[in-house]
């Protein structure tokens, strides 16, 4: 099953020319109300959208290599599979002593070689952040964020030009231990408790140059608002920043004027934004009666290319490549 053999295969309309930062979402219904195995086929070269960096820490399993082939060329692929909906994790042997935070957020992996940022929250009694880069830690630098607050533990830069809630004025500021040298693909998560049980405004301060981790591409489609520019400054240099803010927990969206005719899917998954200039992929599911995908790149669409994924299935609508070497469910065989 790690190659999705026999699964439902969604054939992308494009082989590789897909907009960078495209968001892709899948949804599927189970045949019998149980679990679904959802698989992503990715090229073994660099045209992976950097999804291969995201999958290992998000409960995906990886298959052996297989190929896509035509009369003109052959390339390698692997299948990354995940069970939907997420199976429950085992209960801890010792019950946790702290209740879950009122609001939390998992940021996309840092996608630039340097990353200049800060974290801030308004309306929080408690605010914390963790990172998979062990050299990146956070401490409360100020409980009243305003001009003059130091931004990073290993630099003397202070902030200037802070005005209003959209720049997190008056909030709790978490000071990163590092100014810019942060591992690419670092995952960062925040958690916060509300002062009064209500909403929290969580803000991310990002450099206005290219050292943004590409988070600035993720935020607009995820209900973040952006501030005017302010600066970080020292005796030696000055740089620009903006604040991107979001309400936590997510406020409910308005009810549609016409009730939807389709119930929510049994399983769904929002992939990270595509982070390479070319992206070679396919989508497959085992145990699904219905399987669909959408993308923010309007030129990228999906159709069911096969309801029994196996050797010989065409992979992309605009190319003649077919798949070869599919063996077992980890390659989505039969999906």
Protein backbone atom coordinates (compact mmCIF):
# COMPACT_ATOMS: atom_id res chain seq x y z
CA UNK A 1 0.00 0.00 0.00
CA UNK A 2 2.95 2.36 0.29
CA UNK A 3 2.78 2.85 -3.51
CA UNK A 4 -1.06 3.26 -3.45
CA UNK A 5 -1.46 0.25 -5.79
CA UNK A 6 -5.15 -0.16 -6.66
CA UNK A 7 -6.14 3.25 -5.30
CA UNK A 8 -8.02 6.12 -6.94
CA UNK A 9 -5.44 8.22 -8.81
CA UNK A 10 -6.04 11.95 -9.33
CA UNK A 11 -4.28 13.01 -12.53
CA UNK A 12 -2.88 16.56 -12.31
CA UNK A 13 -3.49 18.69 -15.40
CA UNK A 14 0.17 19.73 -15.38
CA UNK A 15 3.36 17.69 -15.17
CA UNK A 16 5.71 20.27 -13.61
CA UNK A 17 4.84 23.91 -14.41
CA UNK A 18 2.96 24.85 -11.24
CA UNK A 19 3.06 28.25 -9.53
CA UNK A 20 5.40 28.46 -6.57
CA UNK A 21 3.45 28.95 -3.29
CA UNK A 22 0.40 27.11 -4.64
CA UNK A 23 -1.79 25.69 -1.85
CA UNK A 24 -3.30 22.24 -2.49
CA UNK A 25 -6.05 20.58 -0.45
CA UNK A 26 -7.53 17.09 -0.75
CA UNK A 27 -10.78 15.59 0.53
CA UNK A 28 -11.99 11.99 0.51
CA UNK A 29 -14.88 9.87 1.71
CA UNK A 30 -14.34 6.34 2.98
CA UNK A 31 -15.91 3.32 1.27
CA UNK A 32 -17.07 1.87 4.61
CA UNK A 33 -16.86 4.79 7.07
CA UNK A 34 -13.38 3.72 8.18
CA UNK A 35 -9.92 5.03 7.47
CA UNK A 36 -8.53 6.15 4.11
CA UNK A 37 -4.91 5.89 2.96
CA UNK A 38 -3.95 9.08 1.12
CA UNK A 39 -0.70 9.05 -0.90
CA UNK A 40 1.34 11.74 -2.62
CA UNK A 41 3.64 10.74 -5.47
CA UNK A 42 6.73 12.97 -5.63
CA UNK A 43 9.67 13.14 -7.99
CA UNK A 44 12.97 11.95 -6.47
CA UNK A 45 14.79 15.02 -7.83
CA UNK A 46 14.46 18.57 -6.46
CA UNK A 47 11.01 19.22 -7.98
CA UNK A 48 9.20 18.20 -4.79
CA UNK A 49 7.74 21.50 -3.63
CA UNK A 50 9.81 20.69 -0.51
CA UNK A 51 6.89 18.55 0.62
CA UNK A 52 9.39 15.72 1.19
CA UNK A 53 10.82 17.83 4.05
CA UNK A 54 7.35 18.30 5.58
CA UNK A 55 6.13 14.70 5.46
CA UNK A 56 8.44 12.78 7.86
CA UNK A 57 7.35 14.81 10.91
CA UNK A 58 3.66 14.63 9.93
CA UNK A 59 3.05 10.85 10.12
CA UNK A 60 3.65 10.05 6.44
CA UNK A 61 5.39 6.82 5.45
CA UNK A 62 7.64 6.62 2.38
CA UNK A 63 7.82 3.88 -0.25
CA UNK A 64 10.67 2.47 -2.25
CA UNK A 65 11.42 4.18 -5.56
CA UNK A 66 9.41 3.54 -8.75
CA UNK A 67 9.45 5.33 -12.12
CA UNK A 68 7.48 7.42 -14.58
CA UNK A 69 8.41 6.64 -18.14
CA UNK A 70 7.71 7.43 -21.80
CA UNK A 71 9.39 6.82 -25.14
CA UNK A 72 11.54 9.90 -24.52
CA UNK A 73 12.54 9.87 -20.85
CA UNK A 74 12.30 8.15 -17.45
CA UNK A 75 12.31 9.64 -13.95
CA UNK A 76 12.14 8.41 -10.35
CA UNK A 77 9.28 8.85 -7.85
CA UNK A 78 8.39 7.85 -4.30
CA UNK A 79 4.99 7.62 -2.62
CA UNK A 80 4.35 9.30 0.75
CA UNK A 81 1.25 7.89 2.48
CA UNK A 82 -0.82 8.96 5.48
CA UNK A 83 -3.93 7.59 7.22
CA UNK A 84 -7.00 9.87 7.28
CA UNK A 85 -8.63 10.87 9.49
CA UNK A 86 -5.65 10.93 11.88
CA UNK A 87 -5.70 7.85 14.14
CA UNK A 88 -5.61 8.75 17.84
CA UNK A 89 -2.18 8.80 19.44
CA UNK A 90 -1.62 6.58 22.50
CA UNK A 91 -2.58 8.17 25.80
CA UNK A 92 0.44 9.35 27.82
CA UNK A 93 1.43 7.14 30.74
CA UNK A 94 1.30 10.19 33.02
CA UNK A 95 -1.60 12.60 32.46
CA UNK A 96 -0.36 16.07 31.41
CA UNK A 97 -0.53 18.65 34.18
CA UNK A 98 -1.27 21.59 31.87
CA UNK A 99 -4.50 22.06 29.95
CA UNK A 100 -4.28 22.72 26.19
CA UNK A 101 -3.78 26.39 25.24
CA UNK A 102 -6.79 28.49 24.26
CA UNK A 103 -5.11 29.15 20.91
CA UNK A 104 -2.26 27.55 18.98
CA UNK A 105 -0.75 27.71 15.50
CA UNK A 106 1.67 25.54 13.52
CA UNK A 107 3.62 27.63 11.03
CA UNK A 108 4.85 26.21 7.72
CA UNK A 109 8.49 25.06 7.63
CA UNK A 110 11.00 27.91 7.32
CA UNK A 111 11.86 27.99 3.61
CA UNK A 112 14.75 30.47 3.39
CA UNK A 113 18.41 30.11 4.39
CA UNK A 114 18.10 33.05 6.82
CA UNK A 115 14.99 33.97 8.81
CA UNK A 116 14.40 37.29 10.60
CA UNK A 117 11.29 37.24 12.78
CA UNK A 118 9.64 37.84 16.14
CA UNK A 119 6.43 36.66 17.83
CA UNK A 120 3.89 38.71 19.79
CA UNK A 121 0.40 38.29 21.28
CA UNK A 122 -2.32 40.67 22.51
CA UNK A 123 -4.95 39.52 25.02
CA UNK A 124 -2.83 36.64 26.30
CA UNK A 125 -2.03 35.72 29.90
CA UNK A 126 0.47 33.09 28.69
CA UNK A 127 2.39 32.90 25.43
CA UNK A 128 5.02 30.37 24.36
CA UNK A 129 6.73 29.02 21.25
CA UNK A 130 8.82 25.99 20.34
CA UNK A 131 11.04 25.19 17.36
CA UNK A 132 12.58 22.04 15.91
CA UNK A 133 15.92 23.90 15.51
CA UNK A 134 17.39 23.24 18.95
CA UNK A 135 19.43 26.44 18.75
CA UNK A 136 16.27 28.54 18.44
CA UNK A 137 14.49 29.25 21.72
CA UNK A 138 12.14 31.99 22.89
CA UNK A 139 11.79 34.03 26.07
CA UNK A 140 9.45 36.84 27.07
CA UNK A 141 11.33 39.98 26.06
CA UNK A 142 8.55 42.36 27.03
CA UNK A 143 4.99 42.22 28.37
CA UNK A 144 4.32 45.67 26.86
CA UNK A 145 5.62 45.65 23.29
CA UNK A 146 6.53 49.17 22.15
CA UNK A 147 9.34 51.27 20.70
CA UNK A 148 12.70 50.47 22.29
CA UNK A 149 12.07 46.75 22.96
CA UNK A 150 15.07 44.54 22.06
CA UNK A 151 14.09 42.06 19.34
CA UNK A 152 16.75 39.29 19.47
CA UNK A 153 18.87 37.85 22.26
CA UNK A 154 22.09 37.78 20.19
CA UNK A 155 21.81 41.29 18.70
CA UNK A 156 21.31 44.84 20.02
CA UNK A 157 18.56 45.81 17.58
CA UNK A 158 15.49 47.52 19.06
CA UNK A 159 12.13 48.16 17.42
CA UNK A 160 10.91 51.60 16.35
CA UNK A 161 7.72 52.90 14.77
CA UNK A 162 5.21 50.68 16.63
CA UNK A 163 1.69 52.08 16.47
CA UNK A 164 -1.53 50.21 17.21
CA UNK A 165 -2.76 46.65 17.61
CA UNK A 166 -1.88 45.67 14.03
CA UNK A 167 1.78 46.08 15.11
CA UNK A 168 1.06 44.29 18.42
CA UNK A 169 1.58 47.43 20.50
CA UNK A 170 1.18 46.57 24.20
CA UNK A 171 1.37 42.80 23.62
CA UNK A 172 3.63 40.07 25.03
CA UNK A 173 6.76 39.86 22.87
CA UNK A 174 8.66 36.56 22.56
CA UNK A 175 12.33 37.30 21.89
CA UNK A 176 14.00 34.72 19.62
CA UNK A 177 17.46 33.59 20.70
CA UNK A 178 18.73 34.10 17.15
CA UNK A 179 18.45 37.07 14.81
CA UNK A 180 18.72 35.28 11.45
CA UNK A 181 20.75 32.03 11.53
CA UNK A 182 17.93 29.49 11.75
CA UNK A 183 17.89 26.07 10.08
CA UNK A 184 15.92 25.86 6.85
CA UNK A 185 12.80 23.64 7.24
CA UNK A 186 12.51 24.48 10.96
CA UNK A 187 8.97 23.95 12.28
CA UNK A 188 7.71 26.55 14.78
CA UNK A 189 4.56 26.27 16.92
CA UNK A 190 2.99 28.82 19.28
CA UNK A 191 0.48 28.40 22.11
CA UNK A 192 -1.34 31.06 24.12
CA UNK A 193 -3.96 31.36 26.85
CA UNK A 194 -6.48 34.21 26.86
CA UNK A 195 -6.65 36.72 29.69
CA UNK A 196 -10.44 36.47 29.85
CA UNK A 197 -11.30 33.29 27.94
CA UNK A 198 -11.89 35.25 24.75
CA UNK A 199 -9.90 35.68 21.57
CA UNK A 200 -6.16 36.31 21.29
CA UNK A 201 -4.42 38.32 18.57
CA UNK A 202 -1.21 36.55 17.54
CA UNK A 203 1.30 38.49 15.44
CA UNK A 204 4.44 37.54 13.54
CA UNK A 205 7.06 40.20 12.84
CA UNK A 206 8.88 39.54 9.55
CA UNK A 207 11.72 41.29 7.78
CA UNK A 208 10.69 43.14 4.62
CA UNK A 209 13.59 41.64 2.66
CA UNK A 210 13.83 38.02 1.48
CA UNK A 211 14.61 36.56 4.94
CA UNK A 212 10.96 35.73 5.64
CA UNK A 213 10.99 31.91 5.59
CA UNK A 214 8.41 32.47 2.81
CA UNK A 215 5.82 32.82 5.56
CA UNK A 216 4.72 36.09 3.92
CA UNK A 217 3.46 33.96 1.01
CA UNK A 218 1.49 31.69 3.38
CA UNK A 219 -0.22 34.35 5.49
CA UNK A 220 -2.58 36.16 3.05
CA UNK A 221 -4.61 33.00 2.32
CA UNK A 222 -4.72 32.01 6.00
CA UNK A 223 -6.61 34.98 7.48
CA UNK A 224 -3.61 37.06 8.56
CA UNK A 225 -3.72 40.85 8.24
CA UNK A 226 -0.57 42.86 7.47
CA UNK A 227 0.58 46.13 9.02
CA UNK A 228 2.41 49.13 7.63
CA UNK A 229 6.22 49.00 7.77
CA UNK A 230 8.25 49.75 10.91
CA UNK A 231 11.96 49.25 11.63
CA UNK A 232 14.54 47.42 13.70
CA UNK A 233 17.55 49.59 14.39
CA UNK A 234 20.93 49.76 16.13
CA UNK A 235 24.00 52.02 16.05
CA UNK A 236 25.25 50.01 13.05
CA UNK A 237 22.24 49.27 10.84
CA UNK A 238 18.49 49.60 10.27
CA UNK A 239 16.05 47.22 8.59
CA UNK A 240 12.35 47.09 7.74
CA UNK A 241 9.67 44.83 9.24
CA UNK A 242 5.95 44.22 9.00
CA UNK A 243 3.57 42.53 11.43
CA UNK A 244 1.19 39.77 10.29
CA UNK A 245 -1.65 39.20 12.77
CA UNK A 246 -4.32 36.52 13.18
CA UNK A 247 -7.15 35.92 15.66
CA UNK A 248 -6.98 32.73 17.75
CA UNK A 249 -8.86 30.51 18.10
CA UNK A 250 -10.20 30.86 14.55
CA UNK A 251 -13.50 32.80 14.60
CA UNK A 252 -16.31 30.92 12.87
CA UNK A 253 -16.86 31.82 9.23
CA UNK A 254 -20.29 33.17 8.26
CA UNK A 255 -22.86 30.52 7.38
CA UNK A 256 -23.38 30.23 3.60
CA UNK A 257 -26.55 31.81 2.23
CA UNK A 258 -27.42 28.47 0.63
CA UNK A 259 -26.73 25.37 2.75
CA UNK A 260 -24.12 23.10 1.14
CA UNK A 261 -25.55 19.96 -0.43
CA UNK A 262 -22.51 17.80 0.36
CA UNK A 263 -21.43 16.69 3.82
CA UNK A 264 -17.81 17.31 4.87
CA UNK A 265 -15.34 14.66 3.69
CA UNK A 266 -14.36 11.84 6.03
CA UNK A 267 -10.72 12.86 5.61
CA UNK A 268 -8.97 15.99 4.34
CA UNK A 269 -5.45 17.43 4.27
CA UNK A 270 -4.00 20.89 3.59
CA UNK A 271 -0.51 20.57 2.14
CA UNK A 272 2.18 23.21 2.71
CA UNK A 273 2.65 25.77 -0.06
CA UNK A 274 4.65 24.48 -3.03
CA UNK A 275 8.18 25.78 -2.42
CA UNK A 276 10.05 24.91 -5.64
CA UNK A 277 9.95 26.52 -9.09
CA UNK A 278 8.82 23.21 -10.62
CA UNK A 279 6.68 20.54 -8.93
CA UNK A 280 6.26 16.95 -10.13
CA UNK A 281 3.57 15.10 -8.21
CA UNK A 282 0.42 12.97 -8.22
CA UNK A 283 -2.30 12.17 -5.66
CA UNK A 284 -3.85 8.79 -4.82
CA UNK A 285 -6.16 7.25 -2.20
CA UNK A 286 -6.98 3.71 -1.06
CA UNK A 287 -10.27 2.89 0.66
CA UNK A 288 -12.03 5.96 -0.74
CA UNK A 289 -15.39 6.12 -2.50
CA UNK A 290 -14.78 9.78 -3.39
CA UNK A 291 -11.48 11.65 -3.77
CA UNK A 292 -10.91 15.24 -4.88
CA UNK A 293 -8.27 17.95 -4.79
CA UNK A 294 -8.16 21.72 -5.33
CA UNK A 295 -5.28 24.15 -5.92
CA UNK A 296 -4.87 27.92 -5.74
CA UNK A 297 -3.00 27.82 -9.08
CA UNK A 298 -5.97 28.15 -11.44
CA UNK A 299 -4.06 26.29 -14.17
CA UNK A 300 -3.71 23.21 -11.96
CA UNK A 301 -6.75 20.94 -11.86
CA UNK A 302 -7.27 17.27 -11.08
CA UNK A 303 -9.39 14.52 -12.59
CA UNK A 304 -9.70 10.82 -11.77
CA UNK A 305 -7.10 9.20 -13.99
CA UNK A 306 -7.72 5.69 -12.66
CA UNK A 307 -9.83 3.92 -10.05
CA UNK A 308 -7.29 1.06 -9.96
CA UNK A 309 -3.81 2.60 -9.75
CA UNK A 310 -1.21 0.25 -11.22
CA UNK A 311 1.57 0.03 -13.81
CA UNK A 312 0.65 1.74 -17.08
CA UNK A 313 -1.56 4.49 -15.62
CA UNK A 314 -0.91 7.90 -17.21
CA UNK A 315 0.31 10.38 -14.59
CA UNK A 316 -0.29 13.86 -16.09
CA UNK A 317 -2.84 15.22 -18.54
CA UNK A 318 -0.27 17.22 -20.53
CA UNK A 319 2.38 14.48 -20.85
CA UNK A 320 2.47 10.86 -22.02
CA UNK A 321 4.41 9.51 -19.04
CA UNK A 322 3.01 6.35 -17.41
CA UNK A 323 3.92 4.80 -14.08
CA UNK A 324 5.95 1.62 -13.70
CA UNK A 325 7.13 -0.44 -10.73
CA UNK A 326 4.02 -0.10 -8.54
CA UNK A 327 3.91 -2.81 -5.87
CA UNK A 328 1.66 -2.78 -2.84
CA UNK A 329 -0.49 -0.34 -0.92
CA UNK A 330 2.48 1.84 0.09
CA UNK A 331 2.63 2.82 -3.61
CA UNK A 332 -1.21 3.20 -3.71
CA UNK A 333 -1.59 0.08 -5.87
CA UNK A 334 -5.31 -0.37 -6.62
CA UNK A 335 -6.20 3.15 -5.43
